[in-house]
Amino acid sequence: MKKPSSGNSSDSSLAWHSLYQAALFESDREKIPARIDAAEKAILDRVKQLFVIKSDHIEEDQVLDDALYALRALRNCVVPDVNAAA
């Protein structure tokens, strides 16, 4: 996945990225769900910030969407589906 560019983005606009990486690289399976939750919240907060910005941010929107997709895939791999056991 492409890392977001910091060209005209502030540090706060990239805060989600460190949480995202922490979720992806967490080695303790017990901690992964909480890491995913924190990263998803930070990404969705950034999406809300971009929603009110009038400039072009299509590329960043795509990066955020890709990150959410990856987190959902990770969650599906590590969090058991309680409905599947029934």
PDB file of N, CA and C in Angstrom:
ATOM      1  N   MET A   1       0.834  -1.173   0.000  1.00  0.00           N
ATOM      2  CA  MET A   1       0.000   0.000   0.000  1.00  0.00           C
ATOM      3  C   MET A   1       0.877   1.234   0.000  1.00  0.00           C
ATOM      4  N   LYS A   2       0.473   2.220  -0.724  1.00  0.00           N
ATOM      5  CA  LYS A   2       1.202   3.455  -0.838  1.00  0.00           C
ATOM      6  C   LYS A   2       1.089   4.262   0.442  1.00  0.00           C
ATOM      7  N   LYS A   3       2.204   4.785   0.914  1.00  0.00           N
ATOM      8  CA  LYS A   3       2.190   5.641   2.098  1.00  0.00           C
ATOM      9  C   LYS A   3       1.681   7.012   1.686  1.00  0.00           C
ATOM     10  N   PRO A   4       0.835   7.639   2.523  1.00  0.00           N
ATOM     11  CA  PRO A   4       0.327   8.957   2.164  1.00  0.00           C
ATOM     12  C   PRO A   4       1.461   9.954   2.061  1.00  0.00           C
ATOM     13  N   SER A   5       1.363  10.839   1.091  1.00  0.00           N
ATOM     14  CA  SER A   5       2.403  11.845   0.920  1.00  0.00           C
ATOM     15  C   SER A   5       2.226  12.927   1.960  1.00  0.00           C
ATOM     16  N   SER A   6       3.330  13.498   2.390  1.00  0.00           N
ATOM     17  CA  SER A   6       3.247  14.550   3.393  1.00  0.00           C
ATOM     18  C   SER A   6       3.477  15.913   2.766  1.00  0.00           C
ATOM     19  N   GLY A   7       3.321  16.006   1.457  1.00  0.00           N
ATOM     20  CA  GLY A   7       3.549  17.243   0.740  1.00  0.00           C
ATOM     21  C   GLY A   7       2.876  18.439   1.357  1.00  0.00           C
ATOM     22  N   ASN A   8       1.547  18.478   1.362  1.00  0.00           N
ATOM     23  CA  ASN A   8       0.845  19.596   1.960  1.00  0.00           C
ATOM     24  C   ASN A   8      -0.072  19.106   3.072  1.00  0.00           C
ATOM     25  N   SER A   9       0.280  17.994   3.689  1.00  0.00           N
ATOM     26  CA  SER A   9      -0.497  17.471   4.794  1.00  0.00           C
ATOM     27  C   SER A   9       0.222  17.770   6.095  1.00  0.00           C
ATOM     28  N   SER A  10      -0.547  18.079   7.121  1.00  0.00           N
ATOM     29  CA  SER A  10       0.050  18.321   8.425  1.00  0.00           C
ATOM     30  C   SER A  10       0.286  16.997   9.117  1.00  0.00           C
ATOM     31  N   ASP A  11       1.057  17.042  10.208  1.00  0.00           N
ATOM     32  CA  ASP A  11       1.318  15.822  10.973  1.00  0.00           C
ATOM     33  C   ASP A  11       0.028  15.213  11.488  1.00  0.00           C
ATOM     34  N   SER A  12      -0.932  16.049  11.871  1.00  0.00           N
ATOM     35  CA  SER A  12      -2.189  15.523  12.407  1.00  0.00           C
ATOM     36  C   SER A  12      -2.972  14.762  11.343  1.00  0.00           C
ATOM     37  N   SER A  13      -2.806  15.125  10.087  1.00  0.00           N
ATOM     38  CA  SER A  13      -3.528  14.417   9.029  1.00  0.00           C
ATOM     39  C   SER A  13      -2.935  13.038   8.768  1.00  0.00           C
ATOM     40  N   LEU A  14      -1.731  12.796   9.260  1.00  0.00           N
ATOM     41  CA  LEU A  14      -1.084  11.500   9.077  1.00  0.00           C
ATOM     42  C   LEU A  14      -1.065  10.677  10.359  1.00  0.00           C
ATOM     43  N   ALA A  15      -1.697  11.162  11.411  1.00  0.00           N
ATOM     44  CA  ALA A  15      -1.690  10.453  12.694  1.00  0.00           C
ATOM     45  C   ALA A  15      -2.266   9.052  12.559  1.00  0.00           C
ATOM     46  N   TRP A  16      -3.224   8.882  11.675  1.00  0.00           N
ATOM     47  CA  TRP A  16      -3.847   7.571  11.481  1.00  0.00           C
ATOM     48  C   TRP A  16      -2.843   6.534  11.001  1.00  0.00           C
ATOM     49  N   HIS A  17      -1.840   6.979  10.269  1.00  0.00           N
ATOM     50  CA  HIS A  17      -0.923   6.042   9.629  1.00  0.00           C
ATOM     51  C   HIS A  17      -0.107   5.252  10.649  1.00  0.00           C
ATOM     52  N   SER A  18       0.329   5.888  11.734  1.00  0.00           N
ATOM     53  CA  SER A  18       1.098   5.149  12.740  1.00  0.00           C
ATOM     54  C   SER A  18       0.216   4.124  13.448  1.00  0.00           C
ATOM     55  N   LEU A  19      -1.056   4.457  13.676  1.00  0.00           N
ATOM     56  CA  LEU A  19      -1.981   3.497  14.284  1.00  0.00           C
ATOM     57  C   LEU A  19      -2.270   2.344  13.324  1.00  0.00           C
ATOM     58  N   TYR A  20      -2.363   2.664  12.063  1.00  0.00           N
ATOM     59  CA  TYR A  20      -2.577   1.647  11.026  1.00  0.00           C
ATOM     60  C   TYR A  20      -1.402   0.664  10.992  1.00  0.00           C
ATOM     61  N   GLN A  21      -0.188   1.200  10.991  1.00  0.00           N
ATOM     62  CA  GLN A  21       0.994   0.342  10.980  1.00  0.00           C
ATOM     63  C   GLN A  21       1.080  -0.499  12.250  1.00  0.00           C
ATOM     64  N   ALA A  22       0.717   0.092  13.383  1.00  0.00           N
ATOM     65  CA  ALA A  22       0.745  -0.656  14.645  1.00  0.00           C
ATOM     66  C   ALA A  22      -0.204  -1.845  14.582  1.00  0.00           C
ATOM     67  N   ALA A  23      -1.349  -1.664  13.953  1.00  0.00           N
ATOM     68  CA  ALA A  23      -2.304  -2.772  13.811  1.00  0.00           C
ATOM     69  C   ALA A  23      -1.747  -3.849  12.886  1.00  0.00           C
ATOM     70  N   LEU A  24      -1.168  -3.435  11.780  1.00  0.00           N
ATOM     71  CA  LEU A  24      -0.649  -4.405  10.815  1.00  0.00           C
ATOM     72  C   LEU A  24       0.512  -5.224  11.359  1.00  0.00           C
ATOM     73  N   PHE A  25       1.345  -4.598  12.180  1.00  0.00           N
ATOM     74  CA  PHE A  25       2.567  -5.259  12.633  1.00  0.00           C
ATOM     75  C   PHE A  25       2.507  -5.749  14.070  1.00  0.00           C
ATOM     76  N   GLU A  26       1.336  -5.679  14.690  1.00  0.00           N
ATOM     77  CA  GLU A  26       1.192  -6.198  16.058  1.00  0.00           C
ATOM     78  C   GLU A  26       1.402  -7.709  16.042  1.00  0.00           C
ATOM     79  N   SER A  27       2.266  -8.196  16.922  1.00  0.00           N
ATOM     80  CA  SER A  27       2.550  -9.635  16.955  1.00  0.00           C
ATOM     81  C   SER A  27       1.721 -10.381  17.997  1.00  0.00           C
ATOM     82  N   ASP A  28       1.128  -9.667  18.927  1.00  0.00           N
ATOM     83  CA  ASP A  28       0.302 -10.291  19.961  1.00  0.00           C
ATOM     84  C   ASP A  28      -1.140 -10.372  19.461  1.00  0.00           C
ATOM     85  N   ARG A  29      -1.598 -11.583  19.157  1.00  0.00           N
ATOM     86  CA  ARG A  29      -2.949 -11.771  18.597  1.00  0.00           C
ATOM     87  C   ARG A  29      -4.040 -11.208  19.500  1.00  0.00           C
ATOM     88  N   GLU A  30      -3.799 -11.173  20.794  1.00  0.00           N
ATOM     89  CA  GLU A  30      -4.793 -10.644  21.732  1.00  0.00           C
ATOM     90  C   GLU A  30      -4.946  -9.126  21.599  1.00  0.00           C
ATOM     91  N   LYS A  31      -3.895  -8.455  21.163  1.00  0.00           N
ATOM     92  CA  LYS A  31      -3.910  -6.990  21.046  1.00  0.00           C
ATOM     93  C   LYS A  31      -4.376  -6.501  19.677  1.00  0.00           C
ATOM     94  N   ILE A  32      -4.369  -7.376  18.695  1.00  0.00           N
ATOM     95  CA  ILE A  32      -4.686  -6.955  17.327  1.00  0.00           C
ATOM     96  C   ILE A  32      -6.074  -6.324  17.205  1.00  0.00           C
ATOM     97  N   PRO A  33      -7.136  -6.910  17.772  1.00  0.00           N
ATOM     98  CA  PRO A  33      -8.458  -6.279  17.621  1.00  0.00           C
ATOM     99  C   PRO A  33      -8.509  -4.838  18.140  1.00  0.00           C
ATOM    100  N   ALA A  34      -7.874  -4.570  19.272  1.00  0.00           N
ATOM    101  CA  ALA A  34      -7.854  -3.205  19.811  1.00  0.00           C
ATOM    102  C   ALA A  34      -7.053  -2.274  18.909  1.00  0.00           C
ATOM    103  N   ARG A  35      -5.955  -2.785  18.368  1.00  0.00           N
ATOM    104  CA  ARG A  35      -5.147  -1.979  17.437  1.00  0.00           C
ATOM    105  C   ARG A  35      -5.954  -1.650  16.181  1.00  0.00           C
ATOM    106  N   ILE A  36      -6.686  -2.623  15.679  1.00  0.00           N
ATOM    107  CA  ILE A  36      -7.523  -2.404  14.499  1.00  0.00           C
ATOM    108  C   ILE A  36      -8.587  -1.358  14.801  1.00  0.00           C
ATOM    109  N   ASP A  37      -9.236  -1.474  15.952  1.00  0.00           N
ATOM    110  CA  ASP A  37     -10.265  -0.500  16.337  1.00  0.00           C
ATOM    111  C   ASP A  37      -9.706   0.916  16.378  1.00  0.00           C
ATOM    112  N   ALA A  38      -8.533   1.077  16.989  1.00  0.00           N
ATOM    113  CA  ALA A  38      -7.916   2.401  17.096  1.00  0.00           C
ATOM    114  C   ALA A  38      -7.565   2.958  15.715  1.00  0.00           C
ATOM    115  N   ALA A  39      -7.025   2.109  14.854  1.00  0.00           N
ATOM    116  CA  ALA A  39      -6.655   2.552  13.508  1.00  0.00           C
ATOM    117  C   ALA A  39      -7.888   2.922  12.695  1.00  0.00           C
ATOM    118  N   GLU A  40      -8.939   2.098  12.773  1.00  0.00           N
ATOM    119  CA  GLU A  40     -10.167   2.409  12.036  1.00  0.00           C
ATOM    120  C   GLU A  40     -10.766   3.731  12.499  1.00  0.00           C
ATOM    121  N   LYS A  41     -10.768   3.968  13.803  1.00  0.00           N
ATOM    122  CA  LYS A  41     -11.315   5.227  14.320  1.00  0.00           C
ATOM    123  C   LYS A  41     -10.513   6.417  13.791  1.00  0.00           C
ATOM    124  N   ALA A  42      -9.188   6.309  13.824  1.00  0.00           N
ATOM    125  CA  ALA A  42      -8.339   7.399  13.340  1.00  0.00           C
ATOM    126  C   ALA A  42      -8.546   7.641  11.845  1.00  0.00           C
ATOM    127  N   ILE A  43      -8.681   6.585  11.075  1.00  0.00           N
ATOM    128  CA  ILE A  43      -8.912   6.729   9.632  1.00  0.00           C
ATOM    129  C   ILE A  43     -10.258   7.389   9.378  1.00  0.00           C
ATOM    130  N   LEU A  44     -11.283   6.950  10.086  1.00  0.00           N
ATOM    131  CA  LEU A  44     -12.610   7.544   9.896  1.00  0.00           C
ATOM    132  C   LEU A  44     -12.636   9.003  10.339  1.00  0.00           C
ATOM    133  N   ASP A  45     -11.863   9.343  11.374  1.00  0.00           N
ATOM    134  CA  ASP A  45     -11.741  10.752  11.774  1.00  0.00           C
ATOM    135  C   ASP A  45     -11.126  11.570  10.644  1.00  0.00           C
ATOM    136  N   ARG A  46     -10.104  11.012   9.985  1.00  0.00           N
ATOM    137  CA  ARG A  46      -9.470  11.715   8.864  1.00  0.00           C
ATOM    138  C   ARG A  46     -10.433  11.850   7.688  1.00  0.00           C
ATOM    139  N   VAL A  47     -11.221  10.820   7.434  1.00  0.00           N
ATOM    140  CA  VAL A  47     -12.227  10.891   6.365  1.00  0.00           C
ATOM    141  C   VAL A  47     -13.195  12.036   6.646  1.00  0.00           C
ATOM    142  N   LYS A  48     -13.605  12.181   7.898  1.00  0.00           N
ATOM    143  CA  LYS A  48     -14.515  13.276   8.273  1.00  0.00           C
ATOM    144  C   LYS A  48     -13.854  14.631   8.063  1.00  0.00           C
ATOM    145  N   GLN A  49     -12.556  14.737   8.392  1.00  0.00           N
ATOM    146  CA  GLN A  49     -11.829  15.989   8.167  1.00  0.00           C
ATOM    147  C   GLN A  49     -11.815  16.336   6.685  1.00  0.00           C
ATOM    148  N   LEU A  50     -11.555  15.350   5.859  1.00  0.00           N
ATOM    149  CA  LEU A  50     -11.481  15.591   4.416  1.00  0.00           C
ATOM    150  C   LEU A  50     -12.831  15.953   3.825  1.00  0.00           C
ATOM    151  N   PHE A  51     -13.892  15.461   4.434  1.00  0.00           N
ATOM    152  CA  PHE A  51     -15.234  15.720   3.923  1.00  0.00           C
ATOM    153  C   PHE A  51     -15.536  17.217   3.865  1.00  0.00           C
ATOM    154  N   VAL A  52     -15.012  17.980   4.810  1.00  0.00           N
ATOM    155  CA  VAL A  52     -15.302  19.416   4.852  1.00  0.00           C
ATOM    156  C   VAL A  52     -14.294  20.255   4.065  1.00  0.00           C
ATOM    157  N   ILE A  53     -13.215  19.641   3.602  1.00  0.00           N
ATOM    158  CA  ILE A  53     -12.210  20.359   2.821  1.00  0.00           C
ATOM    159  C   ILE A  53     -12.677  20.453   1.372  1.00  0.00           C
ATOM    160  N   LYS A  54     -12.589  21.631   0.821  1.00  0.00           N
ATOM    161  CA  LYS A  54     -13.099  21.866  -0.536  1.00  0.00           C
ATOM    162  C   LYS A  54     -12.090  21.535  -1.633  1.00  0.00           C
ATOM    163  N   SER A  55     -10.855  21.247  -1.267  1.00  0.00           N
ATOM    164  CA  SER A  55      -9.843  20.971  -2.292  1.00  0.00           C
ATOM    165  C   SER A  55      -9.902  19.512  -2.750  1.00  0.00           C
ATOM    166  N   ASP A  56      -9.102  19.218  -3.759  1.00  0.00           N
ATOM    167  CA  ASP A  56      -9.035  17.869  -4.324  1.00  0.00           C
ATOM    168  C   ASP A  56      -8.216  16.970  -3.400  1.00  0.00           C
ATOM    169  N   HIS A  57      -8.808  15.892  -2.945  1.00  0.00           N
ATOM    170  CA  HIS A  57      -8.109  14.947  -2.074  1.00  0.00           C
ATOM    171  C   HIS A  57      -8.456  13.508  -2.451  1.00  0.00           C
ATOM    172  N   ILE A  58      -8.653  13.293  -3.742  1.00  0.00           N
ATOM    173  CA  ILE A  58      -9.045  11.973  -4.237  1.00  0.00           C
ATOM    174  C   ILE A  58      -7.982  10.923  -3.915  1.00  0.00           C
ATOM    175  N   GLU A  59      -6.718  11.269  -4.086  1.00  0.00           N
ATOM    176  CA  GLU A  59      -5.650  10.304  -3.829  1.00  0.00           C
ATOM    177  C   GLU A  59      -5.628   9.890  -2.356  1.00  0.00           C
ATOM    178  N   GLU A  60      -5.766  10.860  -1.461  1.00  0.00           N
ATOM    179  CA  GLU A  60      -5.782  10.523  -0.036  1.00  0.00           C
ATOM    180  C   GLU A  60      -7.022   9.705   0.315  1.00  0.00           C
ATOM    181  N   ASP A  61      -8.150  10.030  -0.296  1.00  0.00           N
ATOM    182  CA  ASP A  61      -9.366   9.232  -0.079  1.00  0.00           C
ATOM    183  C   ASP A  61      -9.117   7.772  -0.440  1.00  0.00           C
ATOM    184  N   GLN A  62      -8.424   7.538  -1.541  1.00  0.00           N
ATOM    185  CA  GLN A  62      -8.142   6.173  -1.983  1.00  0.00           C
ATOM    186  C   GLN A  62      -7.208   5.460  -1.011  1.00  0.00           C
ATOM    187  N   VAL A  63      -6.195   6.173  -0.527  1.00  0.00           N
ATOM    188  CA  VAL A  63      -5.262   5.586   0.441  1.00  0.00           C
ATOM    189  C   VAL A  63      -6.005   5.194   1.717  1.00  0.00           C
ATOM    190  N   LEU A  64      -6.891   6.065   2.183  1.00  0.00           N
ATOM    191  CA  LEU A  64      -7.672   5.768   3.390  1.00  0.00           C
ATOM    192  C   LEU A  64      -8.599   4.577   3.167  1.00  0.00           C
ATOM    193  N   ASP A  65      -9.220   4.537   2.008  1.00  0.00           N
ATOM    194  CA  ASP A  65     -10.110   3.425   1.679  1.00  0.00           C
ATOM    195  C   ASP A  65      -9.333   2.104   1.630  1.00  0.00           C
ATOM    196  N   ASP A  66      -8.155   2.140   1.033  1.00  0.00           N
ATOM    197  CA  ASP A  66      -7.312   0.943   0.971  1.00  0.00           C
ATOM    198  C   ASP A  66      -6.910   0.481   2.372  1.00  0.00           C
ATOM    199  N   ALA A  67      -6.597   1.433   3.237  1.00  0.00           N
ATOM    200  CA  ALA A  67      -6.209   1.094   4.608  1.00  0.00           C
ATOM    201  C   ALA A  67      -7.369   0.444   5.357  1.00  0.00           C
ATOM    202  N   LEU A  68      -8.568   0.981   5.200  1.00  0.00           N
ATOM    203  CA  LEU A  68      -9.739   0.376   5.846  1.00  0.00           C
ATOM    204  C   LEU A  68      -9.978  -1.037   5.331  1.00  0.00           C
ATOM    205  N   TYR A  69      -9.809  -1.227   4.051  1.00  0.00           N
ATOM    206  CA  TYR A  69      -9.983  -2.553   3.453  1.00  0.00           C
ATOM    207  C   TYR A  69      -8.982  -3.546   4.053  1.00  0.00           C
ATOM    208  N   ALA A  70      -7.730  -3.115   4.173  1.00  0.00           N
ATOM    209  CA  ALA A  70      -6.694  -3.988   4.731  1.00  0.00           C
ATOM    210  C   ALA A  70      -6.987  -4.327   6.189  1.00  0.00           C
ATOM    211  N   LEU A  71      -7.470  -3.351   6.949  1.00  0.00           N
ATOM    212  CA  LEU A  71      -7.798  -3.613   8.351  1.00  0.00           C
ATOM    213  C   LEU A  71      -8.960  -4.589   8.479  1.00  0.00           C
ATOM    214  N   ARG A  72      -9.933  -4.461   7.606  1.00  0.00           N
ATOM    215  CA  ARG A  72     -11.063  -5.400   7.638  1.00  0.00           C
ATOM    216  C   ARG A  72     -10.600  -6.814   7.283  1.00  0.00           C
ATOM    217  N   ALA A  73      -9.704  -6.920   6.332  1.00  0.00           N
ATOM    218  CA  ALA A  73      -9.161  -8.233   5.975  1.00  0.00           C
ATOM    219  C   ALA A  73      -8.375  -8.822   7.143  1.00  0.00           C
ATOM    220  N   LEU A  74      -7.578  -7.992   7.801  1.00  0.00           N
ATOM    221  CA  LEU A  74      -6.825  -8.453   8.964  1.00  0.00           C
ATOM    222  C   LEU A  74      -7.771  -8.915  10.066  1.00  0.00           C
ATOM    223  N   ARG A  75      -8.814  -8.143  10.316  1.00  0.00           N
ATOM    224  CA  ARG A  75      -9.787  -8.515  11.348  1.00  0.00           C
ATOM    225  C   ARG A  75     -10.405  -9.881  11.021  1.00  0.00           C
ATOM    226  N   ASN A  76     -10.744 -10.101   9.771  1.00  0.00           N
ATOM    227  CA  ASN A  76     -11.333 -11.386   9.365  1.00  0.00           C
ATOM    228  C   ASN A  76     -10.371 -12.554   9.571  1.00  0.00           C
ATOM    229  N   CYS A  77      -9.083 -12.283   9.515  1.00  0.00           N
ATOM    230  CA  CYS A  77      -8.089 -13.346   9.700  1.00  0.00           C
ATOM    231  C   CYS A  77      -7.847 -13.682  11.170  1.00  0.00           C
ATOM    232  N   VAL A  78      -7.960 -12.698  12.052  1.00  0.00           N
ATOM    233  CA  VAL A  78      -7.568 -12.926  13.447  1.00  0.00           C
ATOM    234  C   VAL A  78      -8.717 -12.991  14.434  1.00  0.00           C
ATOM    235  N   VAL A  79      -9.867 -12.446  14.072  1.00  0.00           N
ATOM    236  CA  VAL A  79     -11.000 -12.453  14.991  1.00  0.00           C
ATOM    237  C   VAL A  79     -11.943 -13.568  14.571  1.00  0.00           C
ATOM    238  N   PRO A  80     -12.188 -14.516  15.464  1.00  0.00           N
ATOM    239  CA  PRO A  80     -13.078 -15.621  15.095  1.00  0.00           C
ATOM    240  C   PRO A  80     -14.499 -15.138  14.834  1.00  0.00           C
ATOM    241  N   ASP A  81     -15.123 -15.714  13.828  1.00  0.00           N
ATOM    242  CA  ASP A  81     -16.515 -15.397  13.491  1.00  0.00           C
ATOM    243  C   ASP A  81     -17.411 -16.301  14.330  1.00  0.00           C
ATOM    244  N   VAL A  82     -18.103 -15.717  15.311  1.00  0.00           N
ATOM    245  CA  VAL A  82     -18.930 -16.518  16.217  1.00  0.00           C
ATOM    246  C   VAL A  82     -20.092 -17.168  15.482  1.00  0.00           C
ATOM    247  N   ASN A  83     -20.550 -16.585  14.396  1.00  0.00           N
ATOM    248  CA  ASN A  83     -21.653 -17.160  13.628  1.00  0.00           C
ATOM    249  C   ASN A  83     -21.216 -18.398  12.848  1.00  0.00           C
ATOM    250  N   ALA A  84     -19.935 -18.465  12.489  1.00  0.00           N
ATOM    251  CA  ALA A  84     -19.441 -19.597  11.709  1.00  0.00           C
ATOM    252  C   ALA A  84     -19.400 -20.876  12.547  1.00  0.00           C
ATOM    253  N   ALA A  85     -19.263 -20.735  13.845  1.00  0.00           N
ATOM    254  CA  ALA A  85     -19.180 -21.903  14.726  1.00  0.00           C
ATOM    255  C   ALA A  85     -20.543 -22.547  14.957  1.00  0.00           C
ATOM    256  N   ALA A  86     -21.599 -21.817  14.696  1.00  0.00           N
ATOM    257  CA  ALA A  86     -22.954 -22.330  14.964  1.00  0.00           C
ATOM    258  C   ALA A  86     -23.421 -23.303  13.915  1.00  0.00           C
TER     259      ALA A  86
END
